[in-house]
């Protein structure tokens, strides 16, 4: 079934047709010796994100009184992308926006961005860019240029309820390490009242970010979904089919996963309410779960098959072409401040997102935090096994084609191989204009 709800994959094509920018703010200019900049920021995950960002911005302006910063909370990632694109095309865009890292190809193809390496030219600037984890830089690096700076970044991790594991006769201190353990153990945690399931073994979201969760299984099967600098996809490779079949096996063979499509937004709530033993979800929900779980829980890397694997996820800061030279430098100062080791560590502790540079994990505050809450380091430790999130040219339509077919399989309307053959056929057609001659 085609998801008729607009997603981040459809917004770029539609943004140009909107009659007027959603945020009709005039271009910000220098005033009385102060450089004013504006950035759009999504509020897509539970938690007091706006309060945190407001506090960061206030602290930055105290230390940098010559720069005035205005954060605009633009809704979801979809909303943020739509508004940034529409406003920029109308000449009224923000200087920066935090949008999903995978949207870089589409933004570059539309010539809406300024590459950071064109303005971050000092030795200190270059050292700053090199400090980020390579896994997080992958999606933002295109044709030798750096278009995105990592900030709100994540991987997928597994959360498990230790009380439910113990009640099922499982070791509550151990997470499933393999596909087989994941299926067998979560089947043991299933709870029924008559014919009704009262608590499932595992939930993997099948809406909103369907391909992202699926990409983890493809990586674990030893495959990847795209290559050739975003010009080719491998949606029907043997590893891709094996990954989707495993997801279907959790529903059919193991019967530990709810049939059909589990919702992204309800997974953490179901987990917190004891309605499911294991969820796969973003590390961006780590602090939310830590603060609200009334039971002991664990966090682990995703289970392995041929290998361990998870796609990276989350958002990068991107600089839009309307920024004048003074604003570009002001944005650079803000970003270097926000992503300093101390601030990156604080952001990770405040939200659960992964501090995107190694030296943040060496700060005294972060070391103390991890010592008391070792689950915080799981996503970082998974980075050596991580792959870049699916990103191609015409990315929104390519990913939507895959999502449509994945959902058809999850709903039982197609077998895994047929669904992925159909997805590959659509993707090949969409990417044909970008093939090298």
Protein backbone atom coordinates (compact mmCIF):
# COMPACT_ATOMS: atom_id res chain seq x y z
CA UNK A 1 0.00 0.00 0.00
CA UNK A 2 1.37 3.35 -0.96
CA UNK A 3 1.85 5.64 2.00
CA UNK A 4 -0.24 8.69 1.11
CA UNK A 5 1.10 10.72 4.01
CA UNK A 6 3.71 13.20 2.72
CA UNK A 7 7.21 12.14 3.65
CA UNK A 8 10.59 13.79 3.51
CA UNK A 9 11.07 11.96 0.20
CA UNK A 10 8.29 13.87 -1.56
CA UNK A 11 8.72 17.37 -0.25
CA UNK A 12 11.47 18.67 -2.51
CA UNK A 13 9.51 18.02 -5.66
CA UNK A 14 6.44 19.71 -4.20
CA UNK A 15 8.17 22.62 -2.55
CA UNK A 16 8.79 24.49 -5.76
CA UNK A 17 5.08 24.54 -6.53
CA UNK A 18 4.00 26.19 -3.32
CA UNK A 19 2.64 29.65 -3.87
CA UNK A 20 4.59 31.36 -1.11
CA UNK A 21 7.17 30.45 1.52
CA UNK A 22 5.73 29.06 4.70
CA UNK A 23 8.06 31.18 6.77
CA UNK A 24 7.95 34.55 5.06
CA UNK A 25 10.84 36.13 6.86
CA UNK A 26 12.85 38.77 5.00
CA UNK A 27 16.50 38.19 4.33
CA UNK A 28 18.52 38.94 7.45
CA UNK A 29 21.24 41.52 7.08
CA UNK A 30 23.95 43.20 9.11
CA UNK A 31 22.61 45.74 11.59
CA UNK A 32 24.58 48.09 13.84
CA UNK A 33 27.72 45.96 13.73
CA UNK A 34 25.81 42.77 14.52
CA UNK A 35 25.51 39.90 12.07
CA UNK A 36 22.13 38.26 12.23
CA UNK A 37 21.61 34.64 11.22
CA UNK A 38 18.63 32.35 11.26
CA UNK A 39 18.46 28.58 11.20
CA UNK A 40 15.56 26.16 10.91
CA UNK A 41 15.53 23.21 13.28
CA UNK A 42 13.20 20.19 13.38
CA UNK A 43 11.46 18.99 16.49
CA UNK A 44 10.91 15.36 15.53
CA UNK A 45 11.70 13.32 18.64
CA UNK A 46 10.23 13.53 22.11
CA UNK A 47 11.94 15.69 24.71
CA UNK A 48 12.50 19.37 25.50
CA UNK A 49 14.51 20.02 22.34
CA UNK A 50 13.42 23.63 21.89
CA UNK A 51 14.40 24.52 25.43
CA UNK A 52 17.80 22.90 24.98
CA UNK A 53 18.53 24.68 21.70
CA UNK A 54 17.30 28.01 23.08
CA UNK A 55 19.71 27.60 25.97
CA UNK A 56 22.62 26.81 23.68
CA UNK A 57 21.86 29.81 21.47
CA UNK A 58 21.61 32.14 24.47
CA UNK A 59 24.98 30.94 25.76
CA UNK A 60 26.57 31.37 22.32
CA UNK A 61 25.31 34.95 21.98
CA UNK A 62 26.68 35.84 25.42
CA UNK A 63 30.11 34.69 24.29
CA UNK A 64 29.70 36.18 20.79
CA UNK A 65 27.80 39.47 21.19
CA UNK A 66 28.50 40.47 17.57
CA UNK A 67 26.26 37.64 16.29
CA UNK A 68 22.50 37.46 16.76
CA UNK A 69 21.05 33.99 16.22
CA UNK A 70 17.39 33.18 15.65
CA UNK A 71 16.39 29.51 15.77
CA UNK A 72 13.07 28.70 14.07
CA UNK A 73 11.43 25.44 15.08
CA UNK A 74 9.96 24.29 11.81
CA UNK A 75 8.15 21.10 12.85
CA UNK A 76 9.16 17.68 11.61
CA UNK A 77 12.09 16.91 9.35
CA UNK A 78 9.60 17.00 6.47
CA UNK A 79 8.30 20.42 7.47
CA UNK A 80 11.80 21.78 7.96
CA UNK A 81 12.97 20.64 4.56
CA UNK A 82 9.85 21.96 2.82
CA UNK A 83 10.11 25.37 4.45
CA UNK A 84 13.85 25.73 3.90
CA UNK A 85 13.62 24.80 0.22
CA UNK A 86 10.57 26.94 -0.48
CA UNK A 87 11.93 30.00 1.32
CA UNK A 88 15.36 29.69 -0.29
CA UNK A 89 13.88 29.45 -3.78
CA UNK A 90 11.88 32.59 -3.00
CA UNK A 91 15.02 34.44 -1.90
CA UNK A 92 13.90 34.52 1.73
CA UNK A 93 15.53 31.42 3.08
CA UNK A 94 17.40 30.76 6.31
CA UNK A 95 21.17 30.83 6.37
CA UNK A 96 21.20 27.28 7.74
CA UNK A 97 18.83 24.41 8.41
CA UNK A 98 19.21 21.08 10.09
CA UNK A 99 17.68 18.55 7.72
CA UNK A 100 18.21 14.85 7.26
CA UNK A 101 21.71 13.98 6.08
CA UNK A 102 20.33 11.90 3.21
CA UNK A 103 18.67 14.92 1.60
CA UNK A 104 22.05 16.32 0.58
CA UNK A 105 21.96 14.89 -2.95
CA UNK A 106 18.62 16.51 -3.72
CA UNK A 107 19.68 19.85 -2.23
CA UNK A 108 22.97 19.80 -4.17
CA UNK A 109 21.22 18.82 -7.40
CA UNK A 110 18.88 21.79 -6.89
CA UNK A 111 21.92 24.06 -6.30
CA UNK A 112 20.58 25.28 -2.96
CA UNK A 113 23.65 24.75 -0.77
CA UNK A 114 27.05 26.25 -0.08
CA UNK A 115 29.76 23.63 0.60
CA UNK A 116 31.38 24.04 3.98
CA UNK A 117 34.86 23.31 2.67
CA UNK A 118 34.61 26.47 0.53
CA UNK A 119 34.44 28.66 3.64
CA UNK A 120 36.11 26.51 6.33
CA UNK A 121 39.57 27.12 4.88
CA UNK A 122 41.85 27.87 7.83
CA UNK A 123 43.97 25.14 9.38
CA UNK A 124 41.74 25.21 12.46
CA UNK A 125 38.63 24.93 10.28
CA UNK A 126 40.07 21.96 8.40
CA UNK A 127 41.02 20.25 11.64
CA UNK A 128 37.47 20.80 12.89
CA UNK A 129 35.96 19.10 9.84
CA UNK A 130 38.34 16.17 10.19
CA UNK A 131 37.35 15.62 13.82
CA UNK A 132 33.94 14.10 12.99
CA UNK A 133 33.45 10.35 12.74
CA UNK A 134 33.84 9.26 9.10
CA UNK A 135 30.58 7.28 9.32
CA UNK A 136 28.71 10.51 10.02
CA UNK A 137 30.51 12.46 7.29
CA UNK A 138 29.67 9.94 4.57
CA UNK A 139 26.18 11.19 3.70
CA UNK A 140 27.26 14.83 3.60
CA UNK A 141 30.30 14.36 1.34
CA UNK A 142 29.47 14.48 -2.38
CA UNK A 143 31.82 14.97 -5.33
CA UNK A 144 34.69 15.81 -3.00
CA UNK A 145 32.85 18.60 -1.17
CA UNK A 146 31.43 18.69 2.36
CA UNK A 147 27.80 19.81 2.27
CA UNK A 148 26.65 18.74 5.72
CA UNK A 149 28.07 19.07 9.25
CA UNK A 150 26.97 16.29 11.64
CA UNK A 151 24.95 17.33 14.67
CA UNK A 152 21.74 15.41 15.42
CA UNK A 153 23.06 11.98 14.47
CA UNK A 154 22.08 8.48 15.39
CA UNK A 155 22.21 4.80 14.63
CA UNK A 156 19.54 2.18 15.23
CA UNK A 157 19.89 0.29 18.49
CA UNK A 158 17.87 -2.42 20.23
CA UNK A 159 16.21 -1.67 23.56
CA UNK A 160 15.15 -4.62 25.71
CA UNK A 161 13.05 -4.92 28.86
CA UNK A 162 15.08 -6.87 31.41
CA UNK A 163 12.05 -7.76 33.55
CA UNK A 164 10.26 -9.35 30.60
CA UNK A 165 13.41 -11.28 29.67
CA UNK A 166 13.76 -12.57 33.22
CA UNK A 167 10.11 -13.62 33.38
CA UNK A 168 10.58 -15.55 30.10
CA UNK A 169 13.53 -17.49 31.54
CA UNK A 170 16.12 -15.52 29.58
CA UNK A 171 19.26 -13.90 30.94
CA UNK A 172 18.10 -10.31 31.52
CA UNK A 173 21.64 -8.98 31.10
CA UNK A 174 22.09 -10.36 27.58
CA UNK A 175 20.63 -9.04 24.35
CA UNK A 176 20.12 -11.22 21.28
CA UNK A 177 23.44 -11.27 19.44
CA UNK A 178 22.35 -13.03 16.23
CA UNK A 179 19.32 -13.19 13.98
CA UNK A 180 18.50 -16.65 15.31
CA UNK A 181 18.70 -15.54 18.95
CA UNK A 182 16.66 -12.46 18.15
CA UNK A 183 13.86 -14.56 16.66
CA UNK A 184 13.91 -17.32 19.25
CA UNK A 185 14.28 -15.13 22.32
CA UNK A 186 11.62 -12.62 21.34
CA UNK A 187 9.25 -15.52 20.60
CA UNK A 188 9.74 -16.68 24.21
CA UNK A 189 8.77 -13.27 25.58
CA UNK A 190 5.38 -13.23 23.83
CA UNK A 191 2.44 -12.94 26.27
CA UNK A 192 -1.12 -14.00 25.49
CA UNK A 193 -4.51 -13.94 27.14
CA UNK A 194 -6.42 -16.57 25.24
CA UNK A 195 -6.02 -15.79 21.56
CA UNK A 196 -5.10 -12.16 22.22
CA UNK A 197 -1.47 -11.04 22.37
CA UNK A 198 -0.98 -8.68 25.31
CA UNK A 199 2.75 -8.18 24.88
CA UNK A 200 4.75 -8.74 21.70
CA UNK A 201 8.32 -9.94 21.49
CA UNK A 202 9.68 -7.28 19.14
CA UNK A 203 8.55 -4.26 17.18
CA UNK A 204 10.45 -2.81 14.21
CA UNK A 205 8.76 0.32 12.81
CA UNK A 206 7.42 -0.12 9.29
CA UNK A 207 6.21 3.42 8.64
CA UNK A 208 7.92 6.79 8.30
CA UNK A 209 11.47 5.41 8.19
CA UNK A 210 10.71 1.96 6.76
CA UNK A 211 13.77 1.72 4.51
CA UNK A 212 16.05 2.88 7.36
CA UNK A 213 15.14 0.02 9.68
CA UNK A 214 15.26 -2.39 6.74
CA UNK A 215 18.72 -1.16 5.75
CA UNK A 216 20.03 -2.46 9.06
CA UNK A 217 18.97 -5.99 8.11
CA UNK A 218 20.51 -5.64 4.65
CA UNK A 219 23.81 -4.56 6.22
CA UNK A 220 23.66 -7.51 8.63
CA UNK A 221 23.16 -9.82 5.63
CA UNK A 222 26.35 -8.37 4.13
CA UNK A 223 24.86 -5.99 1.58
CA UNK A 224 24.27 -2.33 0.83
CA UNK A 225 21.40 -0.59 -0.89
CA UNK A 226 23.17 2.00 -3.07
CA UNK A 227 26.49 2.87 -4.66
CA UNK A 228 28.23 4.63 -7.55
CA UNK A 229 27.92 8.01 -5.83
CA UNK A 230 24.16 7.75 -5.52
CA UNK A 231 23.56 6.63 -9.12
CA UNK A 232 22.77 2.94 -8.58
CA UNK A 233 20.70 0.85 -6.20
CA UNK A 234 20.89 -2.81 -5.27
CA UNK A 235 17.39 -3.28 -3.94
CA UNK A 236 16.98 -6.86 -5.19
CA UNK A 237 20.42 -8.23 -4.35
CA UNK A 238 20.61 -11.53 -2.49
CA UNK A 239 21.43 -9.72 0.76
CA UNK A 240 18.54 -7.29 0.28
CA UNK A 241 16.08 -10.14 -0.24
CA UNK A 242 17.49 -12.04 2.75
CA UNK A 243 17.09 -8.95 4.94
CA UNK A 244 13.44 -8.44 4.05
CA UNK A 245 12.70 -12.14 4.41
CA UNK A 246 14.08 -12.04 7.95
CA UNK A 247 11.73 -9.20 8.86
CA UNK A 248 8.84 -11.25 7.47
CA UNK A 249 10.10 -14.31 9.36
CA UNK A 250 9.78 -12.43 12.65
CA UNK A 251 6.07 -12.20 11.85
CA UNK A 252 5.58 -15.63 10.30
CA UNK A 253 8.24 -18.12 11.38
CA UNK A 254 8.81 -16.77 14.90
CA UNK A 255 5.47 -15.00 15.35
CA UNK A 256 7.14 -12.57 17.75
CA UNK A 257 6.46 -9.40 15.72
CA UNK A 258 3.00 -7.88 15.18
CA UNK A 259 1.69 -8.59 11.68
CA UNK A 260 1.67 -5.72 9.20
CA UNK A 261 3.18 -2.30 9.80
CA UNK A 262 4.23 -1.21 13.29
CA UNK A 263 4.17 2.54 13.84
CA UNK A 264 7.35 4.56 14.39
CA UNK A 265 5.71 6.88 16.90
CA UNK A 266 4.16 4.19 19.11
CA UNK A 267 7.19 1.91 19.49
CA UNK A 268 8.81 3.78 22.40
CA UNK A 269 5.45 4.17 24.12
CA UNK A 270 4.66 0.46 23.74
CA UNK A 271 8.08 -0.31 25.18
CA UNK A 272 7.61 2.01 28.15
CA UNK A 273 4.17 0.52 28.81
CA UNK A 274 5.49 -3.05 28.79
CA UNK A 275 3.62 -4.01 25.63
CA UNK A 276 6.74 -5.24 23.83
CA UNK A 277 10.00 -6.80 25.03
CA UNK A 278 12.35 -5.42 22.35
CA UNK A 279 12.19 -2.46 19.99
CA UNK A 280 14.57 -1.30 17.31
CA UNK A 281 14.66 2.48 17.33
CA UNK A 282 16.85 5.53 17.07
CA UNK A 283 19.34 6.45 19.77
CA UNK A 284 17.54 9.80 19.68
CA UNK A 285 15.00 8.21 22.02
CA UNK A 286 17.61 7.04 24.53
CA UNK A 287 17.21 9.93 26.98
CA UNK A 288 13.42 9.74 26.70
CA UNK A 289 13.45 6.04 27.58
CA UNK A 290 16.05 6.54 30.30
CA UNK A 291 13.94 9.21 31.96
CA UNK A 292 10.61 7.41 31.69
CA UNK A 293 11.20 3.66 31.96
CA UNK A 294 9.85 2.19 35.21
CA UNK A 295 11.82 -1.01 34.72
CA UNK A 296 15.47 -1.94 34.08
CA UNK A 297 16.30 -1.92 30.40
CA UNK A 298 19.28 -2.63 28.21
CA UNK A 299 20.59 -1.12 24.98
CA UNK A 300 22.53 -3.14 22.45
CA UNK A 301 23.87 -3.11 18.94
CA UNK A 302 21.58 -4.72 16.40
CA UNK A 303 21.98 -8.50 16.10
CA UNK A 304 24.43 -9.88 13.59
CA UNK A 305 23.97 -12.28 10.70
CA UNK A 306 26.86 -12.25 8.23
CA UNK A 307 28.09 -9.22 10.18
CA UNK A 308 26.83 -6.52 12.50
CA UNK A 309 25.38 -3.49 10.86
CA UNK A 310 23.22 -0.40 11.16
CA UNK A 311 22.75 2.63 8.95
CA UNK A 312 23.63 5.98 10.38
CA UNK A 313 20.73 8.40 10.65
CA UNK A 314 19.66 11.83 11.73
CA UNK A 315 20.33 15.36 10.61
CA UNK A 316 23.22 17.52 9.46
CA UNK A 317 23.43 21.28 9.39
CA UNK A 318 23.43 22.61 5.81
CA UNK A 319 24.23 26.16 4.71
CA UNK A 320 21.87 27.66 2.14
CA UNK A 321 22.95 29.79 -0.77
CA UNK A 322 21.23 32.97 0.44
CA UNK A 323 23.82 33.49 3.17
CA UNK A 324 26.14 36.43 2.45
CA UNK A 325 29.88 36.17 3.27
CA UNK A 326 29.48 37.71 6.72
CA UNK A 327 26.64 35.37 7.57
CA UNK A 328 28.61 32.41 6.27
CA UNK A 329 31.40 33.17 8.72
CA UNK A 330 28.90 33.73 11.54
CA UNK A 331 27.30 30.36 10.79
CA UNK A 332 30.72 28.75 10.81
CA UNK A 333 31.47 30.22 14.24
CA UNK A 334 28.13 28.98 15.56
CA UNK A 335 28.66 25.49 14.19
CA UNK A 336 32.17 25.21 15.55
CA UNK A 337 30.79 26.26 18.95
CA UNK A 338 27.81 23.86 18.83
CA UNK A 339 30.00 20.94 17.79
CA UNK A 340 32.93 21.60 20.11
CA UNK A 341 33.83 18.55 22.22
CA UNK A 342 32.14 19.94 25.31
CA UNK A 343 28.93 21.00 23.57
CA UNK A 344 28.74 17.81 21.49
CA UNK A 345 29.03 15.82 24.71
CA UNK A 346 26.35 17.90 26.39
CA UNK A 347 23.98 17.50 23.41
CA UNK A 348 24.45 13.72 23.57
CA UNK A 349 23.72 13.65 27.29
CA UNK A 350 20.71 15.96 26.91
CA UNK A 351 19.08 14.04 24.05
CA UNK A 352 20.56 10.59 23.48
CA UNK A 353 21.89 11.46 20.02
CA UNK A 354 25.44 10.31 19.36
CA UNK A 355 28.17 12.84 19.99
CA UNK A 356 29.55 13.01 16.42
CA UNK A 357 33.27 13.37 17.20
CA UNK A 358 35.60 11.12 19.17
CA UNK A 359 37.09 13.82 21.42
CA UNK A 360 33.63 14.58 22.84
CA UNK A 361 33.70 11.15 24.46
CA UNK A 362 36.99 12.02 26.19
CA UNK A 363 35.61 15.03 28.04
CA UNK A 364 35.33 14.58 31.82
CA UNK A 365 31.56 15.11 31.76
CA UNK A 366 31.01 12.47 29.09
CA UNK A 367 33.32 9.97 30.75
CA UNK A 368 31.40 10.37 34.02
CA UNK A 369 28.07 10.04 32.23
CA UNK A 370 29.06 6.83 30.42
CA UNK A 371 30.48 5.37 33.64
CA UNK A 372 27.08 5.78 35.27
CA UNK A 373 25.01 4.96 32.16
CA UNK A 374 27.02 2.67 29.87
CA UNK A 375 24.07 2.29 27.48
CA UNK A 376 24.97 5.75 26.16
CA UNK A 377 28.09 4.37 24.46
CA UNK A 378 26.38 1.57 22.50
CA UNK A 379 25.62 3.64 19.40
CA UNK A 380 29.16 5.03 19.36
CA UNK A 381 30.59 1.53 19.61
CA UNK A 382 28.39 0.45 16.70
CA UNK A 383 29.85 3.08 14.35
CA UNK A 384 32.66 0.80 13.06
CA UNK A 385 29.89 -1.47 11.74
CA UNK A 386 27.73 1.34 10.40
CA UNK A 387 26.92 2.09 6.78
CA UNK A 388 25.82 5.37 5.26
CA UNK A 389 22.06 5.81 5.21
CA UNK A 390 20.45 5.21 1.82
CA UNK A 391 20.90 8.35 -0.26
CA UNK A 392 20.74 8.75 -4.03
CA UNK A 393 20.03 11.32 -6.67
CA UNK A 394 16.28 11.95 -6.86
CA UNK A 395 16.45 10.56 -3.37
CA UNK A 396 12.92 11.23 -2.21
CA UNK A 397 11.33 9.30 -5.07
CA UNK A 398 13.85 6.47 -5.05
CA UNK A 399 13.45 5.88 -1.32
CA UNK A 400 9.68 6.18 -1.60
CA UNK A 401 9.68 3.51 -4.31
CA UNK A 402 11.53 1.18 -1.94
CA UNK A 403 9.26 2.09 0.99
CA UNK A 404 6.12 1.35 -1.05
CA UNK A 405 7.37 -2.12 -1.94
CA UNK A 406 8.62 -2.90 1.57
CA UNK A 407 5.23 -2.00 2.97
CA UNK A 408 3.51 -4.17 0.36
CA UNK A 409 5.58 -7.10 1.59
CA UNK A 410 4.98 -6.31 5.27
CA UNK A 411 1.24 -6.25 4.58
CA UNK A 412 1.43 -9.64 2.90
CA UNK A 413 0.60 -8.37 -0.57
CA UNK A 414 3.88 -9.42 -2.18
CA UNK A 415 6.65 -11.92 -1.55
CA UNK A 416 10.03 -10.44 -0.61
CA UNK A 417 11.73 -11.11 -3.95
CA UNK A 418 8.86 -9.75 -6.05
CA UNK A 419 8.58 -6.61 -3.94
CA UNK A 420 12.30 -5.88 -4.24
CA UNK A 421 12.41 -6.67 -7.95
CA UNK A 422 9.65 -4.10 -8.42
CA UNK A 423 11.49 -1.58 -6.23
CA UNK A 424 14.70 -2.05 -8.21
CA UNK A 425 12.89 -1.60 -11.52
CA UNK A 426 11.42 1.70 -10.34
CA UNK A 427 14.73 2.92 -8.93
CA UNK A 428 16.63 2.05 -12.12
CA UNK A 429 14.16 4.09 -14.15
CA UNK A 430 14.38 7.07 -11.79
CA UNK A 431 18.18 7.06 -11.75
CA UNK A 432 18.70 6.61 -15.47
CA UNK A 433 19.11 10.39 -16.10
CA UNK A 434 22.01 10.44 -13.62
CA UNK A 435 23.99 7.57 -15.15
CA UNK A 436 27.40 8.38 -16.58
CA UNK A 437 27.49 8.47 -20.39
